[in-house]
Structures are given as structure tokens and as C-alpha cells.
Amino acid sequence: MITIKKYPNRRLYDTAQSQYVNLDYIKQLIEQREEFMVIDSKTKDDITKTILLQIISESETSDGQSLLTNSLLKQLIRFYDTDMQLYVRQYLEQSLLQFIEQQDKMQ
């Protein structure tokens, strides 16, 4: 597992490569299906989700790369803090995994 540290100056550092990296580098790790974790250098907290959301947010600002429509985002937000939140999360994760498996079989 690759560990990436995020420093207070907002810089990201890949401890395996001993070099500073950017969000494009992390996006490449994702595309290559590399396992990684981003930790805050001060608190040692796992902030991987925050970095992933930042990548999605930046991708969504470009209309050409957008996956999430306003309607879909509103529907997802409605499930937060409801009894269905866990089920929706599991459903989305399983659906996406099945989609990827089918895509891999086609290739």
C-alpha cells in the first residue's frame, strides 16, 4: 500500500517514491488500481476520502467530464441522515463493482 502524506502547506508527498505529487498523480494511481492511503502529516488521520472527493469535485467542474448530474446529486443528498443511507451506499458500491466486472469481461 502506498502512503501519501499531506502537509499543512497543502503539498502531497509519496513516501514510496520519496517525491512530491499532485492530484493527477493520485488519479493515475486510481486508474492503475494501486492501493494507497492519504494521511495528514500532523494528525496522522486518514484523509483519503477528502482527497478523492477533491478529485471528483475538480472533474465535475468540467462539463465534458461530468458524471454526476444535478438531479443525481440532489437525490444522493436526500439519502444522507436517513435509514436508507447504508443501503444506498451498499447498492451503489455493488452496482459499480458489477459494472466494472462486466466491462473487464468485454475487454
N, C-alpha and C. Protein backbone atom coordinates (compact mmCIF):
# COMPACT_ATOMS: atom_id res chain seq x y z
N MET A 1 0.85 -1.18 0.00
CA MET A 1 0.00 0.00 0.00
C MET A 1 0.89 1.24 0.00
N ILE A 2 0.57 2.17 -0.87
CA ILE A 2 1.32 3.42 -0.97
C ILE A 2 0.77 4.40 0.06
N THR A 3 1.66 5.04 0.79
CA THR A 3 1.25 6.06 1.75
C THR A 3 1.64 7.42 1.22
N ILE A 4 0.66 8.30 1.16
CA ILE A 4 0.89 9.67 0.74
C ILE A 4 0.58 10.57 1.91
N LYS A 5 1.50 11.46 2.21
CA LYS A 5 1.31 12.40 3.32
C LYS A 5 0.89 13.75 2.76
N LYS A 6 -0.07 14.35 3.44
CA LYS A 6 -0.46 15.72 3.08
C LYS A 6 0.05 16.65 4.16
N TYR A 7 0.83 17.63 3.74
CA TYR A 7 1.44 18.57 4.67
C TYR A 7 0.58 19.83 4.81
N PRO A 8 0.80 20.60 5.87
CA PRO A 8 0.00 21.81 6.10
C PRO A 8 0.05 22.80 4.94
N ASN A 9 1.12 22.78 4.16
CA ASN A 9 1.22 23.69 3.02
C ASN A 9 0.46 23.16 1.80
N ARG A 10 -0.37 22.12 2.02
CA ARG A 10 -1.23 21.51 1.01
C ARG A 10 -0.48 20.62 0.03
N ARG A 11 0.80 20.39 0.25
CA ARG A 11 1.56 19.54 -0.65
C ARG A 11 1.38 18.08 -0.27
N LEU A 12 1.39 17.25 -1.29
CA LEU A 12 1.25 15.81 -1.12
C LEU A 12 2.60 15.15 -1.39
N TYR A 13 2.95 14.17 -0.54
CA TYR A 13 4.26 13.54 -0.64
C TYR A 13 4.11 12.03 -0.66
N ASP A 14 4.55 11.40 -1.73
CA ASP A 14 4.52 9.95 -1.86
C ASP A 14 5.73 9.38 -1.13
N THR A 15 5.49 8.68 -0.04
CA THR A 15 6.59 8.16 0.76
C THR A 15 7.31 7.01 0.07
N ALA A 16 6.64 6.28 -0.82
CA ALA A 16 7.27 5.17 -1.53
C ALA A 16 8.25 5.68 -2.59
N GLN A 17 7.88 6.77 -3.27
CA GLN A 17 8.71 7.33 -4.33
C GLN A 17 9.64 8.43 -3.80
N SER A 18 9.41 8.87 -2.58
CA SER A 18 10.16 9.98 -1.99
C SER A 18 10.13 11.22 -2.87
N GLN A 19 8.89 11.60 -3.24
CA GLN A 19 8.73 12.79 -4.07
C GLN A 19 7.36 13.42 -3.84
N TYR A 20 7.32 14.72 -4.10
CA TYR A 20 6.05 15.42 -4.03
C TYR A 20 5.22 15.06 -5.25
N VAL A 21 3.91 14.95 -5.04
CA VAL A 21 3.00 14.56 -6.11
C VAL A 21 1.81 15.53 -6.13
N ASN A 22 0.96 15.37 -7.13
CA ASN A 22 -0.23 16.20 -7.24
C ASN A 22 -1.47 15.31 -7.41
N LEU A 23 -2.62 15.93 -7.57
CA LEU A 23 -3.85 15.17 -7.70
C LEU A 23 -3.88 14.32 -8.97
N ASP A 24 -3.22 14.79 -10.03
CA ASP A 24 -3.15 13.99 -11.26
C ASP A 24 -2.41 12.68 -11.01
N TYR A 25 -1.39 12.73 -10.19
CA TYR A 25 -0.64 11.53 -9.83
C TYR A 25 -1.56 10.55 -9.08
N ILE A 26 -2.33 11.06 -8.15
CA ILE A 26 -3.25 10.21 -7.39
C ILE A 26 -4.31 9.63 -8.32
N LYS A 27 -4.76 10.43 -9.26
CA LYS A 27 -5.73 9.94 -10.25
C LYS A 27 -5.13 8.79 -11.07
N GLN A 28 -3.85 8.88 -11.40
CA GLN A 28 -3.16 7.80 -12.12
C GLN A 28 -3.10 6.54 -11.26
N LEU A 29 -2.84 6.70 -9.97
CA LEU A 29 -2.83 5.54 -9.07
C LEU A 29 -4.18 4.83 -9.10
N ILE A 30 -5.24 5.63 -9.10
CA ILE A 30 -6.59 5.07 -9.14
C ILE A 30 -6.82 4.32 -10.45
N GLU A 31 -6.44 4.94 -11.55
CA GLU A 31 -6.62 4.31 -12.86
C GLU A 31 -5.82 3.02 -12.98
N GLN A 32 -4.67 2.96 -12.32
CA GLN A 32 -3.82 1.76 -12.34
C GLN A 32 -4.23 0.75 -11.26
N ARG A 33 -5.28 1.09 -10.51
CA ARG A 33 -5.82 0.24 -9.44
C ARG A 33 -4.79 -0.05 -8.35
N GLU A 34 -3.96 0.95 -8.08
CA GLU A 34 -2.99 0.87 -7.00
C GLU A 34 -3.69 1.20 -5.68
N GLU A 35 -3.34 0.49 -4.64
CA GLU A 35 -3.89 0.78 -3.32
C GLU A 35 -3.05 1.87 -2.67
N PHE A 36 -3.70 2.88 -2.14
CA PHE A 36 -2.99 3.96 -1.48
C PHE A 36 -3.84 4.53 -0.36
N MET A 37 -3.17 5.30 0.47
CA MET A 37 -3.82 5.95 1.60
C MET A 37 -3.19 7.32 1.75
N VAL A 38 -4.01 8.33 2.01
CA VAL A 38 -3.50 9.67 2.23
C VAL A 38 -3.71 10.00 3.70
N ILE A 39 -2.62 10.39 4.35
CA ILE A 39 -2.71 10.73 5.76
C ILE A 39 -2.27 12.17 5.98
N ASP A 40 -2.86 12.79 6.97
CA ASP A 40 -2.46 14.13 7.37
C ASP A 40 -1.14 14.01 8.13
N SER A 41 -0.14 14.78 7.72
CA SER A 41 1.18 14.65 8.33
C SER A 41 1.21 15.02 9.80
N LYS A 42 0.35 15.94 10.22
CA LYS A 42 0.33 16.36 11.63
C LYS A 42 -0.48 15.41 12.50
N THR A 43 -1.74 15.18 12.11
CA THR A 43 -2.65 14.42 12.96
C THR A 43 -2.58 12.91 12.73
N LYS A 44 -2.00 12.51 11.61
CA LYS A 44 -1.94 11.10 11.19
C LYS A 44 -3.32 10.53 10.85
N ASP A 45 -4.31 11.41 10.68
CA ASP A 45 -5.65 10.97 10.29
C ASP A 45 -5.66 10.52 8.84
N ASP A 46 -6.51 9.54 8.55
CA ASP A 46 -6.71 9.09 7.17
C ASP A 46 -7.62 10.11 6.48
N ILE A 47 -7.10 10.81 5.49
CA ILE A 47 -7.87 11.82 4.76
C ILE A 47 -8.05 11.44 3.29
N THR A 48 -7.98 10.14 3.03
CA THR A 48 -8.11 9.64 1.66
C THR A 48 -9.43 10.09 1.04
N LYS A 49 -10.53 9.96 1.79
CA LYS A 49 -11.83 10.32 1.24
C LYS A 49 -11.88 11.79 0.83
N THR A 50 -11.28 12.65 1.63
CA THR A 50 -11.25 14.08 1.31
C THR A 50 -10.53 14.33 0.00
N ILE A 51 -9.42 13.65 -0.21
CA ILE A 51 -8.65 13.80 -1.45
C ILE A 51 -9.44 13.25 -2.63
N LEU A 52 -10.08 12.11 -2.45
CA LEU A 52 -10.90 11.53 -3.52
C LEU A 52 -12.05 12.46 -3.90
N LEU A 53 -12.68 13.04 -2.89
CA LEU A 53 -13.77 13.98 -3.17
C LEU A 53 -13.26 15.22 -3.88
N GLN A 54 -12.05 15.64 -3.56
CA GLN A 54 -11.46 16.79 -4.24
C GLN A 54 -11.22 16.47 -5.72
N ILE A 55 -10.77 15.27 -6.01
CA ILE A 55 -10.57 14.86 -7.40
C ILE A 55 -11.89 14.83 -8.14
N ILE A 56 -12.92 14.28 -7.51
CA ILE A 56 -14.24 14.25 -8.13
C ILE A 56 -14.76 15.65 -8.35
N SER A 57 -14.62 16.50 -7.35
CA SER A 57 -15.10 17.87 -7.45
C SER A 57 -14.44 18.61 -8.61
N GLU A 58 -13.13 18.45 -8.75
CA GLU A 58 -12.43 19.10 -9.84
C GLU A 58 -12.85 18.53 -11.19
N SER A 59 -13.10 17.24 -11.26
CA SER A 59 -13.54 16.62 -12.50
C SER A 59 -14.96 17.06 -12.87
N GLU A 60 -15.78 17.25 -11.87
CA GLU A 60 -17.17 17.63 -12.10
C GLU A 60 -17.33 19.07 -12.56
N THR A 61 -16.34 19.90 -12.35
CA THR A 61 -16.45 21.30 -12.79
C THR A 61 -16.33 21.41 -14.31
N SER A 62 -15.79 20.38 -14.95
CA SER A 62 -15.69 20.36 -16.40
C SER A 62 -16.90 19.62 -16.96
N ASP A 63 -17.72 20.31 -17.74
CA ASP A 63 -18.93 19.70 -18.28
C ASP A 63 -18.64 18.46 -19.12
N GLY A 64 -17.50 18.45 -19.80
CA GLY A 64 -17.16 17.31 -20.63
C GLY A 64 -16.85 16.06 -19.85
N GLN A 65 -16.38 16.19 -18.61
CA GLN A 65 -16.02 15.03 -17.80
C GLN A 65 -17.04 14.71 -16.73
N SER A 66 -18.08 15.47 -16.63
CA SER A 66 -19.04 15.30 -15.55
C SER A 66 -19.78 13.96 -15.63
N LEU A 67 -19.85 13.27 -14.51
CA LEU A 67 -20.62 12.04 -14.37
C LEU A 67 -21.90 12.26 -13.57
N LEU A 68 -21.83 13.19 -12.65
CA LEU A 68 -22.92 13.39 -11.70
C LEU A 68 -23.77 14.59 -12.10
N THR A 69 -25.01 14.31 -12.46
CA THR A 69 -25.91 15.39 -12.82
C THR A 69 -26.43 16.07 -11.56
N ASN A 70 -26.98 17.24 -11.71
CA ASN A 70 -27.58 17.93 -10.56
C ASN A 70 -28.68 17.09 -9.94
N SER A 71 -29.48 16.47 -10.76
CA SER A 71 -30.57 15.64 -10.27
C SER A 71 -30.04 14.46 -9.44
N LEU A 72 -29.02 13.80 -9.94
CA LEU A 72 -28.44 12.68 -9.22
C LEU A 72 -27.84 13.12 -7.89
N LEU A 73 -27.12 14.23 -7.90
CA LEU A 73 -26.54 14.75 -6.65
C LEU A 73 -27.61 15.09 -5.63
N LYS A 74 -28.69 15.71 -6.07
CA LYS A 74 -29.79 16.04 -5.15
C LYS A 74 -30.39 14.77 -4.55
N GLN A 75 -30.55 13.75 -5.39
CA GLN A 75 -31.12 12.50 -4.88
C GLN A 75 -30.19 11.85 -3.86
N LEU A 76 -28.91 11.88 -4.13
CA LEU A 76 -27.95 11.31 -3.17
C LEU A 76 -27.97 12.07 -1.85
N ILE A 77 -28.01 13.38 -1.92
CA ILE A 77 -28.04 14.21 -0.70
C ILE A 77 -29.26 13.89 0.13
N ARG A 78 -30.38 13.61 -0.51
CA ARG A 78 -31.61 13.29 0.23
C ARG A 78 -31.46 12.04 1.09
N PHE A 79 -30.55 11.14 0.72
CA PHE A 79 -30.38 9.90 1.49
C PHE A 79 -29.50 10.06 2.71
N TYR A 80 -28.75 11.16 2.80
CA TYR A 80 -27.93 11.37 3.98
C TYR A 80 -28.81 11.52 5.22
N ASP A 81 -28.35 10.96 6.31
CA ASP A 81 -29.06 11.04 7.60
C ASP A 81 -30.44 10.40 7.55
N THR A 82 -30.60 9.39 6.71
CA THR A 82 -31.85 8.62 6.69
C THR A 82 -31.53 7.16 6.99
N ASP A 83 -32.55 6.39 7.23
CA ASP A 83 -32.36 4.97 7.48
C ASP A 83 -31.84 4.23 6.25
N MET A 84 -32.03 4.82 5.08
CA MET A 84 -31.64 4.18 3.83
C MET A 84 -30.19 4.46 3.43
N GLN A 85 -29.49 5.32 4.15
CA GLN A 85 -28.14 5.73 3.76
C GLN A 85 -27.21 4.53 3.57
N LEU A 86 -27.19 3.62 4.51
CA LEU A 86 -26.33 2.44 4.43
C LEU A 86 -26.68 1.59 3.22
N TYR A 87 -27.95 1.39 2.96
CA TYR A 87 -28.38 0.55 1.85
C TYR A 87 -28.04 1.19 0.50
N VAL A 88 -28.19 2.48 0.42
CA VAL A 88 -27.86 3.18 -0.82
C VAL A 88 -26.36 3.08 -1.08
N ARG A 89 -25.56 3.27 -0.04
CA ARG A 89 -24.11 3.16 -0.18
C ARG A 89 -23.73 1.76 -0.66
N GLN A 90 -24.30 0.72 -0.05
CA GLN A 90 -24.00 -0.66 -0.45
C GLN A 90 -24.47 -0.93 -1.88
N TYR A 91 -25.64 -0.44 -2.20
CA TYR A 91 -26.19 -0.64 -3.55
C TYR A 91 -25.30 0.01 -4.61
N LEU A 92 -24.90 1.25 -4.36
CA LEU A 92 -24.06 1.96 -5.33
C LEU A 92 -22.71 1.26 -5.49
N GLU A 93 -22.12 0.86 -4.38
CA GLU A 93 -20.82 0.20 -4.45
C GLU A 93 -20.91 -1.12 -5.21
N GLN A 94 -21.91 -1.94 -4.88
CA GLN A 94 -22.08 -3.23 -5.56
C GLN A 94 -22.41 -3.05 -7.04
N SER A 95 -23.25 -2.08 -7.35
CA SER A 95 -23.61 -1.83 -8.74
C SER A 95 -22.40 -1.42 -9.56
N LEU A 96 -21.59 -0.55 -9.00
CA LEU A 96 -20.39 -0.11 -9.71
C LEU A 96 -19.39 -1.26 -9.87
N LEU A 97 -19.23 -2.09 -8.85
CA LEU A 97 -18.33 -3.24 -8.96
C LEU A 97 -18.80 -4.21 -10.04
N GLN A 98 -20.10 -4.46 -10.11
CA GLN A 98 -20.64 -5.33 -11.15
C GLN A 98 -20.44 -4.73 -12.53
N PHE A 99 -20.64 -3.43 -12.64
CA PHE A 99 -20.43 -2.73 -13.91
C PHE A 99 -18.98 -2.87 -14.36
N ILE A 100 -18.05 -2.70 -13.44
CA ILE A 100 -16.62 -2.81 -13.76
C ILE A 100 -16.27 -4.24 -14.16
N GLU A 101 -16.83 -5.22 -13.46
CA GLU A 101 -16.58 -6.62 -13.81
C GLU A 101 -17.07 -6.92 -15.22
N GLN A 102 -18.26 -6.43 -15.56
CA GLN A 102 -18.80 -6.64 -16.90
C GLN A 102 -17.93 -5.95 -17.95
N GLN A 103 -17.47 -4.76 -17.63
CA GLN A 103 -16.61 -4.02 -18.55
C GLN A 103 -15.30 -4.76 -18.77
N ASP A 104 -14.73 -5.32 -17.69
CA ASP A 104 -13.48 -6.08 -17.81
C ASP A 104 -13.68 -7.32 -18.68
N LYS A 105 -14.83 -7.98 -18.54
CA LYS A 105 -15.11 -9.17 -19.35
C LYS A 105 -15.23 -8.83 -20.83
N MET A 106 -15.80 -7.67 -21.11
CA MET A 106 -15.98 -7.24 -22.50
C MET A 106 -14.64 -6.93 -23.16
N GLN A 107 -13.68 -6.47 -22.36
CA GLN A 107 -12.37 -6.12 -22.90
C GLN A 107 -11.54 -7.36 -23.00
